[in-house]
Structure formats: C-alpha cells, structure tokens
Amino acid sequence: MAQNRRKLITTLLNTLNKMPLHSAVESMWERGLLNEPAVERLYITHEVSRRVRNGEAKVRAIEQLSEELGCSYEKVRGAVYSKN
C-alpha cells in the first residue's frame, strides 16, 4: 500500500511540478483530486478557531459561520468537534 501511495504522490508531484502553489491547488481541484467536504471541514475548523482567538465565544462563532455558509449549526459544530 505504501509503495502504491508513493507512486501516486510522485505522479501528482510530476504533474504539478513548477506550478505556483495556488495554480497547483486549483488544478487539483478542477481535476477532482481534492475532497471538497474535507476541505470545507478544514476551513470551518480554522475559521472557528480564528474567531475564538479573536475573542468570540465558540458557540457564537459556530452559529455565525453556519449562517454565513448557509448550512446547519449541526454541520459546523460537527466539523469543529470531529476527531478527523
């Protein structure tokens, strides 16, 4: 398994070689190589953490972000408290 993963990673790196980071990520996105729900969870956890560091209560940060993203409070809360 590890050897196959290494081959796949090498192929991806060779394909994106010498591209600026933003362009490489955009290319991966367009090719369907990124897991959009996982990226969304990453955004949610980082954004809630940022807001809490800036003094906002966690519950309020989750509530506000769910409104901004147009999704349920439970979805944002689940991303924040998930172990993944």
C-alpha atoms as a PDB file:
ATOM      1  CA  MET A   1       0.000   0.000   0.000  1.00  0.00           C
ATOM      2  CA  ALA A   2       2.720   2.476   0.932  1.00  0.00           C
ATOM      3  CA  GLN A   3       4.558   1.835  -2.345  1.00  0.00           C
ATOM      4  CA  ASN A   4       1.407   2.445  -4.394  1.00  0.00           C
ATOM      5  CA  ARG A   5       0.748   5.648  -2.480  1.00  0.00           C
ATOM      6  CA  ARG A   6       4.329   6.758  -3.120  1.00  0.00           C
ATOM      7  CA  LYS A   7       3.865   6.150  -6.878  1.00  0.00           C
ATOM      8  CA  LEU A   8       0.631   8.135  -6.890  1.00  0.00           C
ATOM      9  CA  ILE A   9       2.185  11.007  -4.981  1.00  0.00           C
ATOM     10  CA  THR A  10       5.150  11.036  -7.367  1.00  0.00           C
ATOM     11  CA  THR A  11       2.778  11.168 -10.350  1.00  0.00           C
ATOM     12  CA  LEU A  12       0.878  14.059  -8.799  1.00  0.00           C
ATOM     13  CA  LEU A  13       4.074  15.968  -7.989  1.00  0.00           C
ATOM     14  CA  ASN A  14       5.409  15.438 -11.512  1.00  0.00           C
ATOM     15  CA  THR A  15       2.133  16.677 -12.987  1.00  0.00           C
ATOM     16  CA  LEU A  16       2.126  19.814 -10.845  1.00  0.00           C
ATOM     17  CA  ASN A  17       5.877  20.387 -10.994  1.00  0.00           C
ATOM     18  CA  LYS A  18       6.929  24.027 -11.294  1.00  0.00           C
ATOM     19  CA  MET A  19       3.388  25.346 -10.925  1.00  0.00           C
ATOM     20  CA  PRO A  20       2.827  28.110  -8.382  1.00  0.00           C
ATOM     21  CA  LEU A  21       1.112  26.717  -5.295  1.00  0.00           C
ATOM     22  CA  HIS A  22      -2.224  28.418  -5.969  1.00  0.00           C
ATOM     23  CA  SER A  23      -2.274  27.126  -9.550  1.00  0.00           C
ATOM     24  CA  ALA A  24      -1.340  23.616  -8.427  1.00  0.00           C
ATOM     25  CA  VAL A  25      -4.179  23.514  -5.888  1.00  0.00           C
ATOM     26  CA  GLU A  26      -6.613  24.954  -8.430  1.00  0.00           C
ATOM     27  CA  SER A  27      -5.524  22.314 -10.952  1.00  0.00           C
ATOM     28  CA  MET A  28      -6.051  19.536  -8.403  1.00  0.00           C
ATOM     29  CA  TRP A  29      -9.491  20.969  -7.586  1.00  0.00           C
ATOM     30  CA  GLU A  30     -10.507  21.121 -11.266  1.00  0.00           C
ATOM     31  CA  ARG A  31      -9.356  17.527 -11.818  1.00  0.00           C
ATOM     32  CA  GLY A  32     -11.441  16.325  -8.873  1.00  0.00           C
ATOM     33  CA  LEU A  33      -8.355  15.337  -6.910  1.00  0.00           C
ATOM     34  CA  LEU A  34      -9.368  17.140  -3.724  1.00  0.00           C
ATOM     35  CA  ASN A  35     -12.031  16.036  -1.288  1.00  0.00           C
ATOM     36  CA  GLU A  36     -14.326  19.074  -1.121  1.00  0.00           C
ATOM     37  CA  PRO A  37     -16.108  18.048   2.118  1.00  0.00           C
ATOM     38  CA  ALA A  38     -12.712  17.550   3.795  1.00  0.00           C
ATOM     39  CA  VAL A  39     -11.506  20.961   2.595  1.00  0.00           C
ATOM     40  CA  GLU A  40     -14.740  22.504   3.853  1.00  0.00           C
ATOM     41  CA  ARG A  41     -14.243  20.900   7.290  1.00  0.00           C
ATOM     42  CA  LEU A  42     -10.691  22.245   7.352  1.00  0.00           C
ATOM     43  CA  TYR A  43     -11.954  25.736   6.545  1.00  0.00           C
ATOM     44  CA  ILE A  44     -14.640  25.512   9.228  1.00  0.00           C
ATOM     45  CA  THR A  45     -12.242  24.385  11.957  1.00  0.00           C
ATOM     46  CA  HIS A  46      -9.684  27.056  11.063  1.00  0.00           C
ATOM     47  CA  GLU A  47     -12.276  29.812  10.829  1.00  0.00           C
ATOM     48  CA  VAL A  48     -13.922  28.950  14.154  1.00  0.00           C
ATOM     49  CA  SER A  49     -10.502  28.761  15.823  1.00  0.00           C
ATOM     50  CA  ARG A  50      -9.555  32.147  14.366  1.00  0.00           C
ATOM     51  CA  ARG A  51     -12.749  33.721  15.644  1.00  0.00           C
ATOM     52  CA  VAL A  52     -12.297  32.222  19.115  1.00  0.00           C
ATOM     53  CA  ARG A  53      -8.698  33.512  19.237  1.00  0.00           C
ATOM     54  CA  ASN A  54     -10.114  36.946  18.394  1.00  0.00           C
ATOM     55  CA  GLY A  55     -12.406  36.804  21.417  1.00  0.00           C
ATOM     56  CA  GLU A  56     -15.648  35.445  20.014  1.00  0.00           C
ATOM     57  CA  ALA A  57     -17.410  32.749  22.030  1.00  0.00           C
ATOM     58  CA  LYS A  58     -17.155  29.344  20.330  1.00  0.00           C
ATOM     59  CA  VAL A  59     -20.932  28.846  20.249  1.00  0.00           C
ATOM     60  CA  ARG A  60     -21.389  32.269  18.665  1.00  0.00           C
ATOM     61  CA  ALA A  61     -18.589  31.609  16.153  1.00  0.00           C
ATOM     62  CA  ILE A  62     -20.230  28.330  15.119  1.00  0.00           C
ATOM     63  CA  GLU A  63     -23.626  29.998  14.846  1.00  0.00           C
ATOM     64  CA  GLN A  64     -22.324  32.919  12.769  1.00  0.00           C
ATOM     65  CA  LEU A  65     -20.300  30.686  10.451  1.00  0.00           C
ATOM     66  CA  SER A  66     -23.249  28.370   9.837  1.00  0.00           C
ATOM     67  CA  GLU A  67     -25.304  31.408   8.804  1.00  0.00           C
ATOM     68  CA  GLU A  68     -22.523  32.696   6.536  1.00  0.00           C
ATOM     69  CA  LEU A  69     -22.068  29.305   4.870  1.00  0.00           C
ATOM     70  CA  GLY A  70     -25.815  28.717   4.596  1.00  0.00           C
ATOM     71  CA  CYS A  71     -25.620  25.404   6.386  1.00  0.00           C
ATOM     72  CA  SER A  72     -26.874  23.984   9.649  1.00  0.00           C
ATOM     73  CA  TYR A  73     -25.408  24.737  13.041  1.00  0.00           C
ATOM     74  CA  GLU A  74     -25.026  20.976  13.499  1.00  0.00           C
ATOM     75  CA  LYS A  75     -22.844  20.689  10.393  1.00  0.00           C
ATOM     76  CA  VAL A  76     -20.429  23.365  11.613  1.00  0.00           C
ATOM     77  CA  ARG A  77     -20.494  22.047  15.178  1.00  0.00           C
ATOM     78  CA  GLY A  78     -19.810  18.533  13.909  1.00  0.00           C
ATOM     79  CA  ALA A  79     -16.784  19.729  11.920  1.00  0.00           C
ATOM     80  CA  VAL A  80     -15.421  21.629  14.922  1.00  0.00           C
ATOM     81  CA  TYR A  81     -15.758  18.749  17.365  1.00  0.00           C
ATOM     82  CA  SER A  82     -14.909  15.911  14.945  1.00  0.00           C
ATOM     83  CA  LYS A  83     -11.741  13.942  15.612  1.00  0.00           C
ATOM     84  CA  ASN A  84     -10.970  13.770  11.843  1.00  0.00           C
END
